[in-house]
Protein backbone atom coordinates (compact mmCIF):
# COMPACT_ATOMS: atom_id res chain seq x y z
CA UNK A 1 -22.42 -27.91 23.58
CA UNK A 2 -19.46 -30.12 22.73
CA UNK A 3 -17.40 -27.10 21.57
CA UNK A 4 -18.11 -25.19 24.80
CA UNK A 5 -16.86 -28.16 26.83
CA UNK A 6 -13.75 -28.43 24.64
CA UNK A 7 -13.01 -24.70 24.97
CA UNK A 8 -13.55 -24.79 28.74
CA UNK A 9 -11.26 -27.81 29.06
CA UNK A 10 -8.64 -26.06 26.93
CA UNK A 11 -8.76 -22.84 28.96
CA UNK A 12 -8.52 -24.81 32.21
CA UNK A 13 -5.51 -26.67 30.81
CA UNK A 14 -3.80 -23.42 29.82
CA UNK A 15 -4.20 -22.04 33.36
CA UNK A 16 -2.80 -25.25 34.85
CA UNK A 17 0.07 -25.25 32.33
CA UNK A 18 0.99 -21.59 33.00
CA UNK A 19 1.10 -22.21 36.77
CA UNK A 20 3.12 -25.40 36.25
CA UNK A 21 5.62 -23.64 33.97
CA UNK A 22 6.05 -20.71 36.39
CA UNK A 23 6.66 -23.17 39.22
CA UNK A 24 9.36 -24.78 37.06
CA UNK A 25 11.25 -21.56 36.35
CA UNK A 26 9.65 -20.35 33.11
CA UNK A 27 8.82 -16.65 32.76
CA UNK A 28 5.54 -16.26 30.90
CA UNK A 29 5.59 -13.55 28.20
CA UNK A 30 2.23 -14.17 26.52
CA UNK A 31 -0.79 -16.41 26.98
CA UNK A 32 -3.01 -16.97 23.93
CA UNK A 33 -0.84 -14.83 21.67
CA UNK A 34 -2.94 -14.19 18.55
CA UNK A 35 -1.81 -13.04 15.13
CA UNK A 36 -3.20 -13.33 11.58
CA UNK A 37 -1.73 -16.86 11.29
CA UNK A 38 -3.36 -18.26 14.43
CA UNK A 39 -2.61 -18.56 18.13
CA UNK A 40 0.21 -19.73 20.39
CA UNK A 41 -1.03 -21.04 23.74
CA UNK A 42 1.95 -19.80 25.77
CA UNK A 43 5.14 -17.93 24.93
CA UNK A 44 7.70 -18.02 27.73
CA UNK A 45 11.37 -17.76 28.50
CA UNK A 46 13.45 -20.36 30.22
CA UNK A 47 16.96 -19.17 30.92
CA UNK A 48 17.92 -17.39 27.69
CA UNK A 49 15.63 -19.38 25.37
CA UNK A 50 12.26 -18.34 24.03
CA UNK A 51 9.84 -21.23 24.36
CA UNK A 52 6.68 -21.63 22.30
CA UNK A 53 4.37 -23.91 24.26
CA UNK A 54 1.46 -25.93 22.93
CA UNK A 55 -0.95 -27.06 25.64
CA UNK A 56 -3.07 -30.16 25.07
CA UNK A 57 -5.68 -31.11 27.64
CA UNK A 58 -7.87 -34.20 27.86
CA UNK A 59 -10.38 -35.48 30.38
CA UNK A 60 -9.30 -39.07 29.74
CA UNK A 61 -6.90 -41.07 27.61
CA UNK A 62 -9.71 -42.84 25.72
CA UNK A 63 -8.76 -41.02 22.52
CA UNK A 64 -5.03 -41.29 23.18
CA UNK A 65 -2.61 -39.21 25.16
CA UNK A 66 -2.91 -35.42 24.83
CA UNK A 67 0.58 -35.03 23.35
CA UNK A 68 -0.38 -37.33 20.47
CA UNK A 69 -2.61 -34.52 19.17
CA UNK A 70 0.44 -32.42 18.26
CA UNK A 71 0.93 -33.84 14.78
CA UNK A 72 2.92 -32.66 11.81
CA UNK A 73 0.28 -30.10 10.78
CA UNK A 74 0.27 -28.51 14.23
CA UNK A 75 4.08 -28.52 14.34
CA UNK A 76 4.24 -26.71 11.00
CA UNK A 77 1.65 -24.16 12.18
CA UNK A 78 3.57 -23.58 15.42
CA UNK A 79 6.76 -23.05 13.41
CA UNK A 80 5.04 -20.39 11.26
CA UNK A 81 3.61 -18.70 14.36
CA UNK A 82 7.00 -18.67 16.08
CA UNK A 83 8.66 -17.10 13.05
CA UNK A 84 5.93 -14.44 12.86
CA UNK A 85 6.28 -13.72 16.60
CA UNK A 86 10.07 -13.37 16.43
CA UNK A 87 9.93 -11.13 13.34
CA UNK A 88 7.17 -8.85 14.68
CA UNK A 89 8.87 -8.50 18.06
CA UNK A 90 12.23 -7.94 16.31
CA UNK A 91 13.82 -10.74 18.31
CA UNK A 92 16.96 -12.12 16.69
CA UNK A 93 19.94 -14.20 17.76
CA UNK A 94 17.98 -15.87 20.54
CA UNK A 95 17.59 -19.62 20.86
CA UNK A 96 13.99 -20.79 20.54
CA UNK A 97 12.32 -24.14 21.02
CA UNK A 98 8.93 -25.83 21.11
CA UNK A 99 7.62 -27.48 24.26
CA UNK A 100 4.37 -29.36 24.78
CA UNK A 101 2.47 -29.49 28.04
CA UNK A 102 0.16 -32.51 28.03
CA UNK A 103 -2.50 -32.52 30.72
CA UNK A 104 -4.99 -35.22 31.62
CA UNK A 105 -7.61 -33.93 34.05
CA UNK A 106 -8.27 -36.61 36.66
CA UNK A 107 -10.49 -36.55 39.76
CA UNK A 108 -7.58 -37.90 41.83
CA UNK A 109 -5.24 -35.18 40.56
CA UNK A 110 -4.19 -33.85 37.18
CA UNK A 111 -1.47 -35.63 35.23
CA UNK A 112 0.88 -32.99 33.82
CA UNK A 113 3.65 -33.91 31.43
CA UNK A 114 6.18 -31.38 30.14
CA UNK A 115 7.90 -32.38 26.92
CA UNK A 116 10.81 -30.02 26.35
CA UNK A 117 12.04 -29.55 22.81
CA UNK A 118 9.09 -31.65 21.64
CA UNK A 119 9.76 -31.01 17.94
CA UNK A 120 12.04 -29.10 15.59
CA UNK A 121 11.21 -26.05 13.49
CA UNK A 122 9.54 -27.01 10.21
CA UNK A 123 10.20 -24.61 7.35
CA UNK A 124 7.54 -23.99 4.73
């Protein structure tokens, strides 16, 4: 039951994040892009940059802020996924970055925080 709630919360967060990003000028290329290495929540373009977006959603801040869940392990995984994506799509000579959208679902209105360039690429 706990996993279903977590998945539902995550999917809701991804929808909110995609709408928020579109409203802020991002062009969404992929949502839930899957490959053998894992999944990227959102791949988008802002101006000429490719942006790999990790979405973290919480129902409260009891366990910390959502963005705190994007630790070193997740950053390394995102870096591997980004490299895979760029190679498979034959995208070269394009600036890329990692953003995090942190969402706290609140009855009085969702708190959405966009952290641009949240972390640097981590090589293996």
